[in-house]
């Protein structure tokens, strides 16, 4: 990953964190990393634990950020989420997967929160 892409990704994750906090989420962890993979943000919304994938694209490049959360990516996020739930002894907690999609063009950013973006994927 180039330095420019890393900076863009970090900026997008910070924007997403601020955005979801304004929506009432409480951020518990950012960039939760295990040998299985990474989850961008783990947060709580009321009584639900939420695993959040942040996808950002500069407009006109590649695909829509929402479409970038492929089935393979969903499986990887699901495995990390299950690991987190077991590791923190929270397997009985209500949980879901959200996606924050950010499209940027010049200095204009469009942010979309997709709640329940996908179901637990393990196959």
PDB file of N, CA and C in Angstrom:
ATOM      1  N   UNK A   1       0.845  -1.173   0.000  1.00  0.00           N
ATOM      2  CA  UNK A   1       0.000   0.000   0.000  1.00  0.00           C
ATOM      3  C   UNK A   1       0.890   1.235   0.000  1.00  0.00           C
ATOM      4  N   UNK A   2       0.589   2.171  -0.838  1.00  0.00           N
ATOM      5  CA  UNK A   2       1.398   3.380  -0.901  1.00  0.00           C
ATOM      6  C   UNK A   2       1.084   4.291   0.273  1.00  0.00           C
ATOM      7  N   UNK A   3       1.982   5.203   0.535  1.00  0.00           N
ATOM      8  CA  UNK A   3       1.798   6.151   1.627  1.00  0.00           C
ATOM      9  C   UNK A   3       0.537   6.982   1.405  1.00  0.00           C
ATOM     10  N   UNK A   4       0.284   7.393   0.179  1.00  0.00           N
ATOM     11  CA  UNK A   4      -0.912   8.182  -0.137  1.00  0.00           C
ATOM     12  C   UNK A   4      -2.179   7.369   0.150  1.00  0.00           C
ATOM     13  N   UNK A   5      -2.181   6.110  -0.237  1.00  0.00           N
ATOM     14  CA  UNK A   5      -3.345   5.245   0.027  1.00  0.00           C
ATOM     15  C   UNK A   5      -3.525   5.013   1.518  1.00  0.00           C
ATOM     16  N   UNK A   6      -2.413   4.821   2.238  1.00  0.00           N
ATOM     17  CA  UNK A   6      -2.492   4.625   3.688  1.00  0.00           C
ATOM     18  C   UNK A   6      -3.100   5.857   4.353  1.00  0.00           C
ATOM     19  N   UNK A   7      -2.635   7.022   3.954  1.00  0.00           N
ATOM     20  CA  UNK A   7      -3.142   8.275   4.534  1.00  0.00           C
ATOM     21  C   UNK A   7      -4.624   8.437   4.223  1.00  0.00           C
ATOM     22  N   UNK A   8      -5.029   8.131   2.992  1.00  0.00           N
ATOM     23  CA  UNK A   8      -6.436   8.212   2.607  1.00  0.00           C
ATOM     24  C   UNK A   8      -7.271   7.252   3.450  1.00  0.00           C
ATOM     25  N   UNK A   9      -6.774   6.023   3.652  1.00  0.00           N
ATOM     26  CA  UNK A   9      -7.476   5.027   4.457  1.00  0.00           C
ATOM     27  C   UNK A   9      -7.613   5.456   5.911  1.00  0.00           C
ATOM     28  N   UNK A  10      -6.545   5.992   6.476  1.00  0.00           N
ATOM     29  CA  UNK A  10      -6.582   6.455   7.865  1.00  0.00           C
ATOM     30  C   UNK A  10      -7.553   7.618   8.020  1.00  0.00           C
ATOM     31  N   UNK A  11      -7.540   8.527   7.055  1.00  0.00           N
ATOM     32  CA  UNK A  11      -8.461   9.663   7.075  1.00  0.00           C
ATOM     33  C   UNK A  11      -9.904   9.180   6.989  1.00  0.00           C
ATOM     34  N   UNK A  12     -10.155   8.224   6.108  1.00  0.00           N
ATOM     35  CA  UNK A  12     -11.505   7.686   5.940  1.00  0.00           C
ATOM     36  C   UNK A  12     -11.978   7.002   7.223  1.00  0.00           C
ATOM     37  N   UNK A  13     -11.115   6.237   7.863  1.00  0.00           N
ATOM     38  CA  UNK A  13     -11.503   5.570   9.107  1.00  0.00           C
ATOM     39  C   UNK A  13     -11.799   6.583  10.207  1.00  0.00           C
ATOM     40  N   UNK A  14     -11.041   7.662  10.266  1.00  0.00           N
ATOM     41  CA  UNK A  14     -11.309   8.716  11.257  1.00  0.00           C
ATOM     42  C   UNK A  14     -12.642   9.396  10.974  1.00  0.00           C
ATOM     43  N   UNK A  15     -12.916   9.662   9.692  1.00  0.00           N
ATOM     44  CA  UNK A  15     -14.205  10.263   9.313  1.00  0.00           C
ATOM     45  C   UNK A  15     -15.347   9.327   9.684  1.00  0.00           C
ATOM     46  N   UNK A  16     -15.173   8.042   9.423  1.00  0.00           N
ATOM     47  CA  UNK A  16     -16.207   7.052   9.743  1.00  0.00           C
ATOM     48  C   UNK A  16     -16.447   7.003  11.250  1.00  0.00           C
ATOM     49  N   UNK A  17     -15.379   7.022  12.034  1.00  0.00           N
ATOM     50  CA  UNK A  17     -15.508   6.976  13.494  1.00  0.00           C
ATOM     51  C   UNK A  17     -16.294   8.179  14.002  1.00  0.00           C
ATOM     52  N   UNK A  18     -15.956   9.360  13.528  1.00  0.00           N
ATOM     53  CA  UNK A  18     -16.687  10.565  13.942  1.00  0.00           C
ATOM     54  C   UNK A  18     -18.152  10.484  13.523  1.00  0.00           C
ATOM     55  N   UNK A  19     -18.374   9.999  12.312  1.00  0.00           N
ATOM     56  CA  UNK A  19     -19.740   9.882  11.782  1.00  0.00           C
ATOM     57  C   UNK A  19     -20.589   8.948  12.641  1.00  0.00           C
ATOM     58  N   UNK A  20     -20.068   7.773  12.962  1.00  0.00           N
ATOM     59  CA  UNK A  20     -20.890   6.827  13.728  1.00  0.00           C
ATOM     60  C   UNK A  20     -21.073   7.277  15.178  1.00  0.00           C
ATOM     61  N   UNK A  21     -20.085   7.989  15.717  1.00  0.00           N
ATOM     62  CA  UNK A  21     -20.268   8.535  17.067  1.00  0.00           C
ATOM     63  C   UNK A  21     -21.434   9.520  17.086  1.00  0.00           C
ATOM     64  N   UNK A  22     -21.555  10.309  16.024  1.00  0.00           N
ATOM     65  CA  UNK A  22     -22.680  11.251  15.923  1.00  0.00           C
ATOM     66  C   UNK A  22     -24.012  10.513  15.791  1.00  0.00           C
ATOM     67  N   UNK A  23     -23.954   9.255  15.299  1.00  0.00           N
ATOM     68  CA  UNK A  23     -25.158   8.437  15.155  1.00  0.00           C
ATOM     69  C   UNK A  23     -25.508   7.727  16.464  1.00  0.00           C
ATOM     70  N   UNK A  24     -24.696   7.914  17.511  1.00  0.00           N
ATOM     71  CA  UNK A  24     -24.980   7.329  18.810  1.00  0.00           C
ATOM     72  C   UNK A  24     -24.182   6.078  19.157  1.00  0.00           C
ATOM     73  N   UNK A  25     -23.247   5.696  18.305  1.00  0.00           N
ATOM     74  CA  UNK A  25     -22.410   4.524  18.587  1.00  0.00           C
ATOM     75  C   UNK A  25     -21.315   4.921  19.584  1.00  0.00           C
ATOM     76  N   UNK A  26     -20.896   3.940  20.400  1.00  0.00           N
ATOM     77  CA  UNK A  26     -19.753   4.133  21.276  1.00  0.00           C
ATOM     78  C   UNK A  26     -18.636   3.234  20.762  1.00  0.00           C
ATOM     79  N   UNK A  27     -17.549   3.816  20.358  1.00  0.00           N
ATOM     80  CA  UNK A  27     -16.433   3.045  19.806  1.00  0.00           C
ATOM     81  C   UNK A  27     -15.673   2.347  20.933  1.00  0.00           C
ATOM     82  N   UNK A  28     -15.502   1.037  20.764  1.00  0.00           N
ATOM     83  CA  UNK A  28     -14.764   0.233  21.737  1.00  0.00           C
ATOM     84  C   UNK A  28     -13.331  -0.014  21.289  1.00  0.00           C
ATOM     85  N   UNK A  29     -13.150  -0.309  19.993  1.00  0.00           N
ATOM     86  CA  UNK A  29     -11.821  -0.599  19.441  1.00  0.00           C
ATOM     87  C   UNK A  29     -11.762  -0.124  17.993  1.00  0.00           C
ATOM     88  N   UNK A  30     -10.572   0.299  17.614  1.00  0.00           N
ATOM     89  CA  UNK A  30     -10.309   0.609  16.204  1.00  0.00           C
ATOM     90  C   UNK A  30      -9.155  -0.266  15.752  1.00  0.00           C
ATOM     91  N   UNK A  31      -9.245  -0.726  14.525  1.00  0.00           N
ATOM     92  CA  UNK A  31      -8.211  -1.562  13.923  1.00  0.00           C
ATOM     93  C   UNK A  31      -7.883  -2.774  14.789  1.00  0.00           C
ATOM     94  N   UNK A  32      -8.898  -3.525  15.142  1.00  0.00           N
ATOM     95  CA  UNK A  32      -8.720  -4.753  15.922  1.00  0.00           C
ATOM     96  C   UNK A  32      -8.109  -5.807  14.995  1.00  0.00           C
ATOM     97  N   UNK A  33      -6.891  -6.227  15.318  1.00  0.00           N
ATOM     98  CA  UNK A  33      -6.137  -7.111  14.442  1.00  0.00           C
ATOM     99  C   UNK A  33      -5.791  -8.421  15.147  1.00  0.00           C
ATOM    100  N   UNK A  34      -5.998  -9.522  14.413  1.00  0.00           N
ATOM    101  CA  UNK A  34      -5.604 -10.848  14.881  1.00  0.00           C
ATOM    102  C   UNK A  34      -4.892 -11.535  13.721  1.00  0.00           C
ATOM    103  N   UNK A  35      -4.441 -12.760  13.965  1.00  0.00           N
ATOM    104  CA  UNK A  35      -3.822 -13.530  12.882  1.00  0.00           C
ATOM    105  C   UNK A  35      -4.844 -13.869  11.794  1.00  0.00           C
ATOM    106  N   UNK A  36      -6.130 -13.798  12.137  1.00  0.00           N
ATOM    107  CA  UNK A  36      -7.204 -14.107  11.181  1.00  0.00           C
ATOM    108  C   UNK A  36      -7.533 -12.937  10.266  1.00  0.00           C
ATOM    109  N   UNK A  37      -7.217 -11.733  10.717  1.00  0.00           N
ATOM    110  CA  UNK A  37      -7.542 -10.547   9.935  1.00  0.00           C
ATOM    111  C   UNK A  37      -7.809  -9.353  10.836  1.00  0.00           C
ATOM    112  N   UNK A  38      -8.508  -8.364  10.280  1.00  0.00           N
ATOM    113  CA  UNK A  38      -8.725  -7.103  10.989  1.00  0.00           C
ATOM    114  C   UNK A  38     -10.168  -6.650  10.845  1.00  0.00           C
ATOM    115  N   UNK A  39     -10.646  -5.983  11.893  1.00  0.00           N
ATOM    116  CA  UNK A  39     -11.937  -5.281  11.832  1.00  0.00           C
ATOM    117  C   UNK A  39     -11.623  -3.815  12.074  1.00  0.00           C
ATOM    118  N   UNK A  40     -12.144  -2.962  11.202  1.00  0.00           N
ATOM    119  CA  UNK A  40     -11.819  -1.538  11.277  1.00  0.00           C
ATOM    120  C   UNK A  40     -12.296  -0.901  12.580  1.00  0.00           C
ATOM    121  N   UNK A  41     -13.572  -1.125  12.926  1.00  0.00           N
ATOM    122  CA  UNK A  41     -14.127  -0.517  14.135  1.00  0.00           C
ATOM    123  C   UNK A  41     -15.053  -1.521  14.825  1.00  0.00           C
ATOM    124  N   UNK A  42     -14.905  -1.618  16.132  1.00  0.00           N
ATOM    125  CA  UNK A  42     -15.854  -2.376  16.948  1.00  0.00           C
ATOM    126  C   UNK A  42     -16.512  -1.353  17.858  1.00  0.00           C
ATOM    127  N   UNK A  43     -17.846  -1.342  17.843  1.00  0.00           N
ATOM    128  CA  UNK A  43     -18.578  -0.329  18.599  1.00  0.00           C
ATOM    129  C   UNK A  43     -19.819  -0.938  19.218  1.00  0.00           C
ATOM    130  N   UNK A  44     -20.463  -0.163  20.068  1.00  0.00           N
ATOM    131  CA  UNK A  44     -21.747  -0.561  20.642  1.00  0.00           C
ATOM    132  C   UNK A  44     -22.780   0.474  20.234  1.00  0.00           C
ATOM    133  N   UNK A  45     -23.931  -0.022  19.843  1.00  0.00           N
ATOM    134  CA  UNK A  45     -25.079   0.843  19.625  1.00  0.00           C
ATOM    135  C   UNK A  45     -26.189   0.277  20.501  1.00  0.00           C
ATOM    136  N   UNK A  46     -26.518   1.005  21.538  1.00  0.00           N
ATOM    137  CA  UNK A  46     -27.466   0.543  22.555  1.00  0.00           C
ATOM    138  C   UNK A  46     -26.965  -0.784  23.112  1.00  0.00           C
ATOM    139  N   UNK A  47     -27.721  -1.868  22.937  1.00  0.00           N
ATOM    140  CA  UNK A  47     -27.324  -3.165  23.502  1.00  0.00           C
ATOM    141  C   UNK A  47     -26.728  -4.108  22.463  1.00  0.00           C
ATOM    142  N   UNK A  48     -26.313  -3.567  21.333  1.00  0.00           N
ATOM    143  CA  UNK A  48     -25.784  -4.384  20.236  1.00  0.00           C
ATOM    144  C   UNK A  48     -24.313  -4.079  19.987  1.00  0.00           C
ATOM    145  N   UNK A  49     -23.524  -5.138  19.884  1.00  0.00           N
ATOM    146  CA  UNK A  49     -22.122  -5.014  19.504  1.00  0.00           C
ATOM    147  C   UNK A  49     -22.079  -4.959  17.977  1.00  0.00           C
ATOM    148  N   UNK A  50     -21.366  -3.978  17.439  1.00  0.00           N
ATOM    149  CA  UNK A  50     -21.360  -3.773  15.992  1.00  0.00           C
ATOM    150  C   UNK A  50     -19.931  -3.840  15.460  1.00  0.00           C
ATOM    151  N   UNK A  51     -19.749  -4.716  14.475  1.00  0.00           N
ATOM    152  CA  UNK A  51     -18.467  -4.851  13.790  1.00  0.00           C
ATOM    153  C   UNK A  51     -18.593  -4.066  12.489  1.00  0.00           C
ATOM    154  N   UNK A  52     -17.717  -3.079  12.319  1.00  0.00           N
ATOM    155  CA  UNK A  52     -17.872  -2.124  11.214  1.00  0.00           C
ATOM    156  C   UNK A  52     -16.688  -2.191  10.258  1.00  0.00           C
ATOM    157  N   UNK A  53     -17.014  -2.372   8.989  1.00  0.00           N
ATOM    158  CA  UNK A  53     -16.017  -2.319   7.920  1.00  0.00           C
ATOM    159  C   UNK A  53     -16.140  -0.952   7.256  1.00  0.00           C
ATOM    160  N   UNK A  54     -15.011  -0.281   7.110  1.00  0.00           N
ATOM    161  CA  UNK A  54     -14.987   1.024   6.446  1.00  0.00           C
ATOM    162  C   UNK A  54     -14.424   0.824   5.049  1.00  0.00           C
ATOM    163  N   UNK A  55     -15.165   1.265   4.047  1.00  0.00           N
ATOM    164  CA  UNK A  55     -14.699   1.189   2.668  1.00  0.00           C
ATOM    165  C   UNK A  55     -14.776   2.580   2.063  1.00  0.00           C
ATOM    166  N   UNK A  56     -13.664   3.035   1.547  1.00  0.00           N
ATOM    167  CA  UNK A  56     -13.605   4.370   0.963  1.00  0.00           C
ATOM    168  C   UNK A  56     -13.000   4.296  -0.427  1.00  0.00           C
ATOM    169  N   UNK A  57     -13.536   5.104  -1.300  1.00  0.00           N
ATOM    170  CA  UNK A  57     -13.024   5.187  -2.668  1.00  0.00           C
ATOM    171  C   UNK A  57     -13.054   6.647  -3.110  1.00  0.00           C
ATOM    172  N   UNK A  58     -12.084   6.977  -3.912  1.00  0.00           N
ATOM    173  CA  UNK A  58     -12.136   8.271  -4.575  1.00  0.00           C
ATOM    174  C   UNK A  58     -13.079   8.093  -5.756  1.00  0.00           C
ATOM    175  N   UNK A  59     -14.046   8.962  -5.880  1.00  0.00           N
ATOM    176  CA  UNK A  59     -15.073   8.810  -6.915  1.00  0.00           C
ATOM    177  C   UNK A  59     -14.455   8.611  -8.283  1.00  0.00           C
ATOM    178  N   UNK A  60     -15.079   7.717  -9.016  1.00  0.00           N
ATOM    179  CA  UNK A  60     -14.613   7.422 -10.361  1.00  0.00           C
ATOM    180  C   UNK A  60     -13.554   6.339 -10.407  1.00  0.00           C
ATOM    181  N   UNK A  61     -13.069   5.903  -9.259  1.00  0.00           N
ATOM    182  CA  UNK A  61     -12.044   4.858  -9.221  1.00  0.00           C
ATOM    183  C   UNK A  61     -12.667   3.541  -8.817  1.00  0.00           C
ATOM    184  N   UNK A  62     -12.315   2.509  -9.535  1.00  0.00           N
ATOM    185  CA  UNK A  62     -12.707   1.143  -9.228  1.00  0.00           C
ATOM    186  C   UNK A  62     -14.220   1.000  -9.089  1.00  0.00           C
ATOM    187  N   UNK A  63     -14.659   0.444  -7.978  1.00  0.00           N
ATOM    188  CA  UNK A  63     -16.085   0.185  -7.790  1.00  0.00           C
ATOM    189  C   UNK A  63     -16.614   0.994  -6.616  1.00  0.00           C
ATOM    190  N   UNK A  64     -17.920   0.996  -6.500  1.00  0.00           N
ATOM    191  CA  UNK A  64     -18.574   1.625  -5.373  1.00  0.00           C
ATOM    192  C   UNK A  64     -18.030   1.001  -4.085  1.00  0.00           C
ATOM    193  N   UNK A  65     -17.774   1.788  -3.056  1.00  0.00           N
ATOM    194  CA  UNK A  65     -17.204   1.232  -1.832  1.00  0.00           C
ATOM    195  C   UNK A  65     -18.047   0.105  -1.228  1.00  0.00           C
ATOM    196  N   UNK A  66     -19.376   0.194  -1.335  1.00  0.00           N
ATOM    197  CA  UNK A  66     -20.239  -0.858  -0.782  1.00  0.00           C
ATOM    198  C   UNK A  66     -19.970  -2.193  -1.462  1.00  0.00           C
ATOM    199  N   UNK A  67     -19.735  -2.164  -2.762  1.00  0.00           N
ATOM    200  CA  UNK A  67     -19.513  -3.400  -3.523  1.00  0.00           C
ATOM    201  C   UNK A  67     -18.164  -4.034  -3.201  1.00  0.00           C
ATOM    202  N   UNK A  68     -17.289  -3.290  -2.542  1.00  0.00           N
ATOM    203  CA  UNK A  68     -15.960  -3.807  -2.222  1.00  0.00           C
ATOM    204  C   UNK A  68     -15.969  -4.758  -1.016  1.00  0.00           C
ATOM    205  N   UNK A  69     -17.095  -4.856  -0.329  1.00  0.00           N
ATOM    206  CA  UNK A  69     -17.195  -5.796   0.793  1.00  0.00           C
ATOM    207  C   UNK A  69     -17.712  -7.111   0.213  1.00  0.00           C
ATOM    208  N   UNK A  70     -16.783  -7.839  -0.365  1.00  0.00           N
ATOM    209  CA  UNK A  70     -17.097  -9.087  -1.059  1.00  0.00           C
ATOM    210  C   UNK A  70     -17.443 -10.198  -0.075  1.00  0.00           C
ATOM    211  N   UNK A  71     -17.920 -11.310  -0.605  1.00  0.00           N
ATOM    212  CA  UNK A  71     -18.231 -12.477   0.228  1.00  0.00           C
ATOM    213  C   UNK A  71     -16.980 -12.965   0.962  1.00  0.00           C
ATOM    214  N   UNK A  72     -15.843 -12.926   0.294  1.00  0.00           N
ATOM    215  CA  UNK A  72     -14.579 -13.324   0.921  1.00  0.00           C
ATOM    216  C   UNK A  72     -14.251 -12.402   2.091  1.00  0.00           C
ATOM    217  N   UNK A  73     -14.427 -11.107   1.889  1.00  0.00           N
ATOM    218  CA  UNK A  73     -14.167 -10.127   2.952  1.00  0.00           C
ATOM    219  C   UNK A  73     -15.152 -10.335   4.107  1.00  0.00           C
ATOM    220  N   UNK A  74     -16.401 -10.639   3.793  1.00  0.00           N
ATOM    221  CA  UNK A  74     -17.407 -10.898   4.821  1.00  0.00           C
ATOM    222  C   UNK A  74     -17.014 -12.098   5.681  1.00  0.00           C
ATOM    223  N   UNK A  75     -16.520 -13.157   5.042  1.00  0.00           N
ATOM    224  CA  UNK A  75     -16.082 -14.341   5.790  1.00  0.00           C
ATOM    225  C   UNK A  75     -14.931 -13.995   6.729  1.00  0.00           C
ATOM    226  N   UNK A  76     -13.980 -13.221   6.237  1.00  0.00           N
ATOM    227  CA  UNK A  76     -12.822 -12.844   7.047  1.00  0.00           C
ATOM    228  C   UNK A  76     -13.260 -12.000   8.247  1.00  0.00           C
ATOM    229  N   UNK A  77     -14.118 -11.030   8.020  1.00  0.00           N
ATOM    230  CA  UNK A  77     -14.633 -10.186   9.106  1.00  0.00           C
ATOM    231  C   UNK A  77     -15.400 -11.046  10.107  1.00  0.00           C
ATOM    232  N   UNK A  78     -16.202 -11.977   9.606  1.00  0.00           N
ATOM    233  CA  UNK A  78     -16.982 -12.867  10.469  1.00  0.00           C
ATOM    234  C   UNK A  78     -16.079 -13.694  11.371  1.00  0.00           C
ATOM    235  N   UNK A  79     -15.003 -14.233  10.819  1.00  0.00           N
ATOM    236  CA  UNK A  79     -14.075 -15.039  11.621  1.00  0.00           C
ATOM    237  C   UNK A  79     -13.432 -14.199  12.725  1.00  0.00           C
ATOM    238  N   UNK A  80     -13.034 -12.977  12.392  1.00  0.00           N
ATOM    239  CA  UNK A  80     -12.419 -12.101  13.387  1.00  0.00           C
ATOM    240  C   UNK A  80     -13.451 -11.718  14.452  1.00  0.00           C
ATOM    241  N   UNK A  81     -14.683 -11.467  14.030  1.00  0.00           N
ATOM    242  CA  UNK A  81     -15.743 -11.110  14.979  1.00  0.00           C
ATOM    243  C   UNK A  81     -16.004 -12.262  15.952  1.00  0.00           C
ATOM    244  N   UNK A  82     -16.086 -13.484  15.437  1.00  0.00           N
ATOM    245  CA  UNK A  82     -16.291 -14.641  16.308  1.00  0.00           C
ATOM    246  C   UNK A  82     -15.126 -14.803  17.289  1.00  0.00           C
ATOM    247  N   UNK A  83     -13.925 -14.600  16.803  1.00  0.00           N
ATOM    248  CA  UNK A  83     -12.732 -14.662  17.654  1.00  0.00           C
ATOM    249  C   UNK A  83     -12.843 -13.620  18.774  1.00  0.00           C
ATOM    250  N   UNK A  84     -13.208 -12.384  18.408  1.00  0.00           N
ATOM    251  CA  UNK A  84     -13.345 -11.302  19.385  1.00  0.00           C
ATOM    252  C   UNK A  84     -14.397 -11.656  20.438  1.00  0.00           C
ATOM    253  N   UNK A  85     -15.548 -12.150  20.000  1.00  0.00           N
ATOM    254  CA  UNK A  85     -16.625 -12.503  20.926  1.00  0.00           C
ATOM    255  C   UNK A  85     -16.178 -13.580  21.917  1.00  0.00           C
ATOM    256  N   UNK A  86     -15.468 -14.591  21.418  1.00  0.00           N
ATOM    257  CA  UNK A  86     -14.973 -15.657  22.294  1.00  0.00           C
ATOM    258  C   UNK A  86     -13.895 -15.128  23.243  1.00  0.00           C
ATOM    259  N   UNK A  87     -12.959 -14.375  22.686  1.00  0.00           N
ATOM    260  CA  UNK A  87     -11.829 -13.847  23.467  1.00  0.00           C
ATOM    261  C   UNK A  87     -12.306 -12.924  24.596  1.00  0.00           C
ATOM    262  N   UNK A  88     -13.373 -12.165  24.350  1.00  0.00           N
ATOM    263  CA  UNK A  88     -13.876 -11.212  25.343  1.00  0.00           C
ATOM    264  C   UNK A  88     -15.058 -11.770  26.132  1.00  0.00           C
ATOM    265  N   UNK A  89     -15.361 -13.062  25.922  1.00  0.00           N
ATOM    266  CA  UNK A  89     -16.442 -13.741  26.632  1.00  0.00           C
ATOM    267  C   UNK A  89     -17.784 -13.010  26.469  1.00  0.00           C
ATOM    268  N   UNK A  90     -18.096 -12.661  25.227  1.00  0.00           N
ATOM    269  CA  UNK A  90     -19.334 -11.949  24.927  1.00  0.00           C
ATOM    270  C   UNK A  90     -20.180 -12.697  23.893  1.00  0.00           C
ATOM    271  N   UNK A  91     -20.052 -14.014  23.856  1.00  0.00           N
ATOM    272  CA  UNK A  91     -20.736 -14.789  22.821  1.00  0.00           C
ATOM    273  C   UNK A  91     -22.257 -14.709  22.920  1.00  0.00           C
ATOM    274  N   UNK A  92     -22.804 -14.333  24.061  1.00  0.00           N
ATOM    275  CA  UNK A  92     -24.256 -14.226  24.202  1.00  0.00           C
ATOM    276  C   UNK A  92     -24.810 -12.872  23.814  1.00  0.00           C
ATOM    277  N   UNK A  93     -23.947 -11.948  23.466  1.00  0.00           N
ATOM    278  CA  UNK A  93     -24.356 -10.586  23.136  1.00  0.00           C
ATOM    279  C   UNK A  93     -24.948 -10.501  21.735  1.00  0.00           C
ATOM    280  N   UNK A  94     -25.906  -9.631  21.558  1.00  0.00           N
ATOM    281  CA  UNK A  94     -26.470  -9.367  20.245  1.00  0.00           C
ATOM    282  C   UNK A  94     -25.399  -8.636  19.420  1.00  0.00           C
ATOM    283  N   UNK A  95     -25.200  -9.072  18.171  1.00  0.00           N
ATOM    284  CA  UNK A  95     -24.159  -8.464  17.334  1.00  0.00           C
ATOM    285  C   UNK A  95     -24.635  -8.355  15.892  1.00  0.00           C
ATOM    286  N   UNK A  96     -24.006  -7.447  15.153  1.00  0.00           N
ATOM    287  CA  UNK A  96     -24.326  -7.298  13.734  1.00  0.00           C
ATOM    288  C   UNK A  96     -23.119  -6.704  13.008  1.00  0.00           C
ATOM    289  N   UNK A  97     -23.224  -6.701  11.669  1.00  0.00           N
ATOM    290  CA  UNK A  97     -22.162  -6.167  10.815  1.00  0.00           C
ATOM    291  C   UNK A  97     -22.690  -4.956  10.050  1.00  0.00           C
ATOM    292  N   UNK A  98     -22.012  -3.843  10.200  1.00  0.00           N
ATOM    293  CA  UNK A  98     -22.347  -2.625   9.457  1.00  0.00           C
ATOM    294  C   UNK A  98     -21.189  -2.289   8.529  1.00  0.00           C
ATOM    295  N   UNK A  99     -21.492  -1.499   7.524  1.00  0.00           N
ATOM    296  CA  UNK A  99     -20.469  -0.975   6.621  1.00  0.00           C
ATOM    297  C   UNK A  99     -20.637   0.536   6.555  1.00  0.00           C
ATOM    298  N   UNK A 100     -19.522   1.247   6.627  1.00  0.00           N
ATOM    299  CA  UNK A 100     -19.525   2.681   6.370  1.00  0.00           C
ATOM    300  C   UNK A 100     -18.829   2.861   5.032  1.00  0.00           C
ATOM    301  N   UNK A 101     -19.589   3.357   4.059  1.00  0.00           N
ATOM    302  CA  UNK A 101     -19.060   3.569   2.711  1.00  0.00           C
ATOM    303  C   UNK A 101     -18.809   5.062   2.514  1.00  0.00           C
ATOM    304  N   UNK A 102     -17.598   5.382   2.103  1.00  0.00           N
ATOM    305  CA  UNK A 102     -17.220   6.779   1.900  1.00  0.00           C
ATOM    306  C   UNK A 102     -16.760   6.956   0.463  1.00  0.00           C
ATOM    307  N   UNK A 103     -17.412   7.889  -0.228  1.00  0.00           N
ATOM    308  CA  UNK A 103     -16.996   8.258  -1.583  1.00  0.00           C
ATOM    309  C   UNK A 103     -16.472   9.678  -1.522  1.00  0.00           C
ATOM    310  N   UNK A 104     -15.282   9.878  -2.065  1.00  0.00           N
ATOM    311  CA  UNK A 104     -14.657  11.198  -2.013  1.00  0.00           C
ATOM    312  C   UNK A 104     -14.355  11.699  -3.407  1.00  0.00           C
ATOM    313  N   UNK A 105     -14.621  12.953  -3.624  1.00  0.00           N
ATOM    314  CA  UNK A 105     -14.247  13.623  -4.866  1.00  0.00           C
ATOM    315  C   UNK A 105     -13.770  15.006  -4.484  1.00  0.00           C
ATOM    316  N   UNK A 106     -12.512  15.265  -4.759  1.00  0.00           N
ATOM    317  CA  UNK A 106     -11.852  16.496  -4.342  1.00  0.00           C
ATOM    318  C   UNK A 106     -11.987  16.596  -2.821  1.00  0.00           C
ATOM    319  N   UNK A 107     -12.557  17.614  -2.279  1.00  0.00           N
ATOM    320  CA  UNK A 107     -12.707  17.704  -0.823  1.00  0.00           C
ATOM    321  C   UNK A 107     -14.140  17.479  -0.365  1.00  0.00           C
ATOM    322  N   UNK A 108     -14.948  16.851  -1.207  1.00  0.00           N
ATOM    323  CA  UNK A 108     -16.333  16.528  -0.848  1.00  0.00           C
ATOM    324  C   UNK A 108     -16.419  15.040  -0.541  1.00  0.00           C
ATOM    325  N   UNK A 109     -16.981  14.720   0.622  1.00  0.00           N
ATOM    326  CA  UNK A 109     -17.085  13.330   1.056  1.00  0.00           C
ATOM    327  C   UNK A 109     -18.550  12.972   1.272  1.00  0.00           C
ATOM    328  N   UNK A 110     -18.948  11.862   0.719  1.00  0.00           N
ATOM    329  CA  UNK A 110     -20.288  11.341   0.933  1.00  0.00           C
ATOM    330  C   UNK A 110     -20.149  10.094   1.798  1.00  0.00           C
ATOM    331  N   UNK A 111     -20.822  10.097   2.939  1.00  0.00           N
ATOM    332  CA  UNK A 111     -20.708   8.990   3.888  1.00  0.00           C
ATOM    333  C   UNK A 111     -22.069   8.316   4.022  1.00  0.00           C
ATOM    334  N   UNK A 112     -22.058   6.995   3.894  1.00  0.00           N
ATOM    335  CA  UNK A 112     -23.284   6.220   4.025  1.00  0.00           C
ATOM    336  C   UNK A 112     -23.058   5.098   5.035  1.00  0.00           C
ATOM    337  N   UNK A 113     -23.988   4.987   5.982  1.00  0.00           N
ATOM    338  CA  UNK A 113     -23.953   3.912   6.972  1.00  0.00           C
ATOM    339  C   UNK A 113     -24.959   2.853   6.549  1.00  0.00           C
ATOM    340  N   UNK A 114     -24.473   1.631   6.362  1.00  0.00           N
ATOM    341  CA  UNK A 114     -25.348   0.516   6.001  1.00  0.00           C
ATOM    342  C   UNK A 114     -25.412  -0.411   7.213  1.00  0.00           C
ATOM    343  N   UNK A 115     -26.537  -0.358   7.920  1.00  0.00           N
ATOM    344  CA  UNK A 115     -26.722  -1.223   9.086  1.00  0.00           C
ATOM    345  C   UNK A 115     -27.112  -2.618   8.615  1.00  0.00           C
ATOM    346  N   UNK A 116     -26.676  -3.628   9.360  1.00  0.00           N
ATOM    347  CA  UNK A 116     -26.963  -5.022   8.983  1.00  0.00           C
ATOM    348  C   UNK A 116     -26.564  -5.284   7.528  1.00  0.00           C
ATOM    349  N   UNK A 117     -25.374  -4.849   7.176  1.00  0.00           N
ATOM    350  CA  UNK A 117     -24.906  -4.924   5.794  1.00  0.00           C
ATOM    351  C   UNK A 117     -24.793  -6.371   5.285  1.00  0.00           C
ATOM    352  N   UNK A 118     -24.484  -7.290   6.194  1.00  0.00           N
ATOM    353  CA  UNK A 118     -24.403  -8.702   5.819  1.00  0.00           C
ATOM    354  C   UNK A 118     -24.563  -9.565   7.049  1.00  0.00           C
ATOM    355  N   UNK A 119     -24.897 -10.818   6.813  1.00  0.00           N
ATOM    356  CA  UNK A 119     -25.066 -11.811   7.876  1.00  0.00           C
ATOM    357  C   UNK A 119     -23.717 -12.474   8.163  1.00  0.00           C
ATOM    358  N   UNK A 120     -23.639 -13.154   9.291  1.00  0.00           N
ATOM    359  CA  UNK A 120     -22.454 -13.917   9.637  1.00  0.00           C
ATOM    360  C   UNK A 120     -22.145 -14.867   8.481  1.00  0.00           C
ATOM    361  N   UNK A 121     -20.920 -14.800   7.978  1.00  0.00           N
ATOM    362  CA  UNK A 121     -20.518 -15.609   6.812  1.00  0.00           C
ATOM    363  C   UNK A 121     -19.343 -16.476   7.218  1.00  0.00           C
ATOM    364  N   UNK A 122     -19.530 -17.776   7.168  1.00  0.00           N
ATOM    365  CA  UNK A 122     -18.437 -18.670   7.544  1.00  0.00           C
ATOM    366  C   UNK A 122     -18.221 -19.773   6.543  1.00  0.00           C
ATOM    367  N   UNK A 123     -18.889 -19.754   5.424  1.00  0.00           N
ATOM    368  CA  UNK A 123     -18.679 -20.752   4.366  1.00  0.00           C
ATOM    369  C   UNK A 123     -18.285 -20.100   3.082  1.00  0.00           C
TER     370      UNK A 123
END
